[in-house]
């Protein structure tokens, strides 16, 4: 029986080490290039789903010229509570304020994903519901002091010490880490059946 053709590495348009780690975990070959795309800050009452889809598409398209025939992957993730988008906190004070607002409530981590080739482009999104336990002032101070909130939408990292903030999760865990894996696997299975080990 002939060996299956070797899959061309995806071109990941991202600065995120978490996204790289997830692709490695899934055994998907990839190379990384920094996107040449400037994310716009969400305006008040912005639609989070539309925002992450636009950002994912912008990131993927910004590096498409570097890809040749390889598929390009762009991803963007935001944390949303009652319609309000929680981006990356500017400092420890803002991080503590965000976590205090998320305390005891259920928020949604929504990601946009864009997969494109020279012949086609697909944009999709995924949402995961995350419920925080009630956090005391001591909990907040202890977590903020770790510095783990830096560069994280919603001011926490569920794959690190931020796991202790969480009471329940409904949906794709890896989406909360930073890449909607179930969505990506479905698209790879549909568009490249067998090539990347799915479908």
Protein backbone atom coordinates (compact mmCIF):
# COMPACT_ATOMS: atom_id res chain seq x y z
CA UNK A 1 0.00 0.00 0.00
CA UNK A 2 1.42 3.39 -1.01
CA UNK A 3 2.11 5.95 1.68
CA UNK A 4 -0.30 8.89 1.87
CA UNK A 5 1.14 12.11 0.44
CA UNK A 6 2.89 14.26 3.01
CA UNK A 7 0.70 17.17 4.08
CA UNK A 8 2.00 20.62 3.24
CA UNK A 9 2.44 22.60 6.47
CA UNK A 10 -0.27 25.13 7.21
CA UNK A 11 0.94 28.71 7.38
CA UNK A 12 -0.20 30.03 10.76
CA UNK A 13 -0.63 33.80 10.81
CA UNK A 14 -0.18 34.36 14.53
CA UNK A 15 2.07 35.65 17.31
CA UNK A 16 0.43 33.30 19.84
CA UNK A 17 2.52 30.54 21.44
CA UNK A 18 -0.72 28.90 22.59
CA UNK A 19 -1.91 28.42 19.00
CA UNK A 20 1.42 26.90 18.05
CA UNK A 21 1.22 24.50 21.00
CA UNK A 22 -2.29 23.38 20.05
CA UNK A 23 -1.31 22.62 16.44
CA UNK A 24 1.68 20.64 17.75
CA UNK A 25 -0.61 18.77 20.15
CA UNK A 26 -2.95 17.85 17.27
CA UNK A 27 -0.06 16.71 15.07
CA UNK A 28 -0.85 19.24 12.34
CA UNK A 29 2.28 20.37 10.46
CA UNK A 30 2.67 24.14 10.29
CA UNK A 31 5.01 27.08 9.85
CA UNK A 32 4.52 30.44 11.51
CA UNK A 33 4.57 33.93 10.06
CA UNK A 34 3.70 37.13 11.90
CA UNK A 35 0.53 38.66 10.45
CA UNK A 36 0.81 42.04 8.79
CA UNK A 37 -2.56 43.12 10.08
CA UNK A 38 -3.47 45.78 12.62
CA UNK A 39 -6.35 44.73 14.86
CA UNK A 40 -8.82 47.51 15.50
CA UNK A 41 -10.05 48.03 19.02
CA UNK A 42 -13.69 46.98 19.35
CA UNK A 43 -16.11 49.91 19.51
CA UNK A 44 -18.78 49.97 22.20
CA UNK A 45 -21.56 47.47 21.48
CA UNK A 46 -19.47 45.78 18.77
CA UNK A 47 -20.67 42.38 17.61
CA UNK A 48 -17.99 40.05 18.98
CA UNK A 49 -18.62 37.29 16.45
CA UNK A 50 -18.31 39.67 13.52
CA UNK A 51 -15.19 41.20 15.08
CA UNK A 52 -13.29 37.91 15.55
CA UNK A 53 -14.28 36.70 12.08
CA UNK A 54 -13.02 39.97 10.54
CA UNK A 55 -9.75 39.81 12.50
CA UNK A 56 -9.13 36.16 11.63
CA UNK A 57 -9.74 36.90 7.96
CA UNK A 58 -7.52 39.99 8.06
CA UNK A 59 -4.65 38.04 9.62
CA UNK A 60 -4.89 35.20 7.09
CA UNK A 61 -5.17 37.49 4.08
CA UNK A 62 -2.22 39.60 5.27
CA UNK A 63 0.21 36.70 4.76
CA UNK A 64 -1.46 34.85 1.88
CA UNK A 65 1.18 36.08 -0.58
CA UNK A 66 3.84 34.20 1.45
CA UNK A 67 1.99 30.89 1.36
CA UNK A 68 2.25 29.70 -2.24
CA UNK A 69 -0.23 26.82 -2.51
CA UNK A 70 -0.26 26.08 1.21
CA UNK A 71 -3.37 26.69 3.32
CA UNK A 72 -3.21 29.78 5.54
CA UNK A 73 -4.78 29.84 9.01
CA UNK A 74 -5.81 33.00 10.83
CA UNK A 75 -7.47 33.01 14.27
CA UNK A 76 -8.75 35.67 16.67
CA UNK A 77 -10.30 35.22 20.12
CA UNK A 78 -12.26 37.49 22.46
CA UNK A 79 -13.96 37.11 25.83
CA UNK A 80 -17.56 38.36 26.00
CA UNK A 81 -19.74 38.96 29.05
CA UNK A 82 -23.31 40.16 28.56
CA UNK A 83 -22.42 41.73 25.22
CA UNK A 84 -19.29 43.48 26.51
CA UNK A 85 -15.97 42.50 24.92
CA UNK A 86 -13.08 41.96 27.34
CA UNK A 87 -9.83 42.44 25.43
CA UNK A 88 -6.28 42.27 26.72
CA UNK A 89 -5.84 44.33 29.89
CA UNK A 90 -3.42 47.26 29.74
CA UNK A 91 -2.19 46.83 33.31
CA UNK A 92 -2.71 44.94 36.58
CA UNK A 93 -5.49 47.26 37.71
CA UNK A 94 -7.51 46.63 34.57
CA UNK A 95 -6.82 42.89 34.82
CA UNK A 96 -8.18 42.79 38.37
CA UNK A 97 -11.25 44.79 37.33
CA UNK A 98 -11.98 42.36 34.47
CA UNK A 99 -11.61 39.30 36.68
CA UNK A 100 -13.83 40.86 39.33
CA UNK A 101 -16.54 41.40 36.70
CA UNK A 102 -16.21 37.80 35.47
CA UNK A 103 -16.36 36.43 39.03
CA UNK A 104 -19.35 34.14 39.63
CA UNK A 105 -20.69 34.63 36.10
CA UNK A 106 -20.74 32.76 32.80
CA UNK A 107 -18.98 34.38 29.86
CA UNK A 108 -18.39 33.24 26.28
CA UNK A 109 -15.00 32.81 24.63
CA UNK A 110 -15.63 33.38 20.94
CA UNK A 111 -13.06 32.72 18.22
CA UNK A 112 -13.04 33.45 14.53
CA UNK A 113 -11.12 31.18 12.19
CA UNK A 114 -10.15 31.78 8.57
CA UNK A 115 -8.69 29.02 6.39
CA UNK A 116 -7.73 30.05 2.88
CA UNK A 117 -5.94 28.78 -0.20
CA UNK A 118 -5.45 30.39 -3.64
CA UNK A 119 -8.74 28.77 -4.71
CA UNK A 120 -11.08 29.29 -1.76
CA UNK A 121 -11.60 30.88 1.65
CA UNK A 122 -13.67 29.74 4.61
CA UNK A 123 -14.46 31.88 7.65
CA UNK A 124 -16.08 30.24 10.69
CA UNK A 125 -16.48 30.84 14.42
CA UNK A 126 -16.83 28.92 17.65
CA UNK A 127 -18.09 29.82 21.12
CA UNK A 128 -17.34 28.19 24.48
CA UNK A 129 -19.18 29.04 27.70
CA UNK A 130 -16.96 29.43 30.78
CA UNK A 131 -18.29 29.92 34.31
CA UNK A 132 -16.04 31.42 36.98
CA UNK A 133 -16.40 30.55 40.62
CA UNK A 134 -16.98 33.40 43.08
CA UNK A 135 -13.59 35.05 43.51
CA UNK A 136 -12.53 36.71 46.76
CA UNK A 137 -10.29 39.79 46.88
CA UNK A 138 -7.48 37.43 47.95
CA UNK A 139 -8.10 35.19 44.90
CA UNK A 140 -7.95 38.21 42.62
CA UNK A 141 -4.79 39.64 44.16
CA UNK A 142 -3.02 36.28 44.10
CA UNK A 143 -3.81 35.62 40.44
CA UNK A 144 -2.98 39.13 39.25
CA UNK A 145 0.36 38.90 41.08
CA UNK A 146 1.36 35.93 38.87
CA UNK A 147 1.41 38.17 35.79
CA UNK A 148 -0.26 35.41 33.80
CA UNK A 149 -2.99 37.85 32.72
CA UNK A 150 -0.57 39.80 30.51
CA UNK A 151 -1.51 39.61 26.83
CA UNK A 152 -4.62 37.49 27.56
CA UNK A 153 -8.13 38.38 26.45
CA UNK A 154 -10.26 38.46 29.58
CA UNK A 155 -7.12 38.61 31.76
CA UNK A 156 -6.73 34.88 32.37
CA UNK A 157 -5.13 31.74 30.92
CA UNK A 158 -7.21 28.60 31.48
CA UNK A 159 -4.25 26.36 30.60
CA UNK A 160 -2.24 27.84 33.48
CA UNK A 161 -3.08 29.02 36.97
CA UNK A 162 -6.23 30.56 35.55
CA UNK A 163 -7.76 27.07 35.66
CA UNK A 164 -8.31 27.67 39.40
CA UNK A 165 -10.68 30.54 38.56
CA UNK A 166 -13.03 28.31 36.57
CA UNK A 167 -16.01 26.36 37.94
CA UNK A 168 -17.39 24.92 34.69
CA UNK A 169 -16.87 24.89 30.93
CA UNK A 170 -19.33 24.05 28.16
CA UNK A 171 -17.79 23.53 24.72
CA UNK A 172 -14.34 23.27 23.15
CA UNK A 173 -11.68 23.65 25.86
CA UNK A 174 -8.93 24.38 23.34
CA UNK A 175 -10.98 27.30 22.05
CA UNK A 176 -10.55 28.92 25.46
CA UNK A 177 -6.80 28.29 25.26
CA UNK A 178 -6.70 30.13 21.94
CA UNK A 179 -7.61 27.99 18.92
CA UNK A 180 -11.02 26.47 18.09
CA UNK A 181 -9.63 23.00 17.45
CA UNK A 182 -12.94 21.23 16.79
CA UNK A 183 -13.80 23.81 14.14
CA UNK A 184 -10.36 23.54 12.50
CA UNK A 185 -10.45 19.73 12.47
CA UNK A 186 -13.91 19.77 10.87
CA UNK A 187 -12.70 22.12 8.11
CA UNK A 188 -9.54 20.09 7.47
CA UNK A 189 -11.61 16.89 7.29
CA UNK A 190 -14.01 18.50 4.81
CA UNK A 191 -11.50 20.31 2.63
CA UNK A 192 -8.46 18.02 2.85
CA UNK A 193 -9.96 14.60 3.65
CA UNK A 194 -7.19 12.37 5.00
CA UNK A 195 -4.36 14.78 4.18
CA UNK A 196 -3.89 16.06 7.74
CA UNK A 197 -5.12 12.85 9.41
CA UNK A 198 -8.79 13.82 9.67
CA UNK A 199 -11.75 12.72 7.54
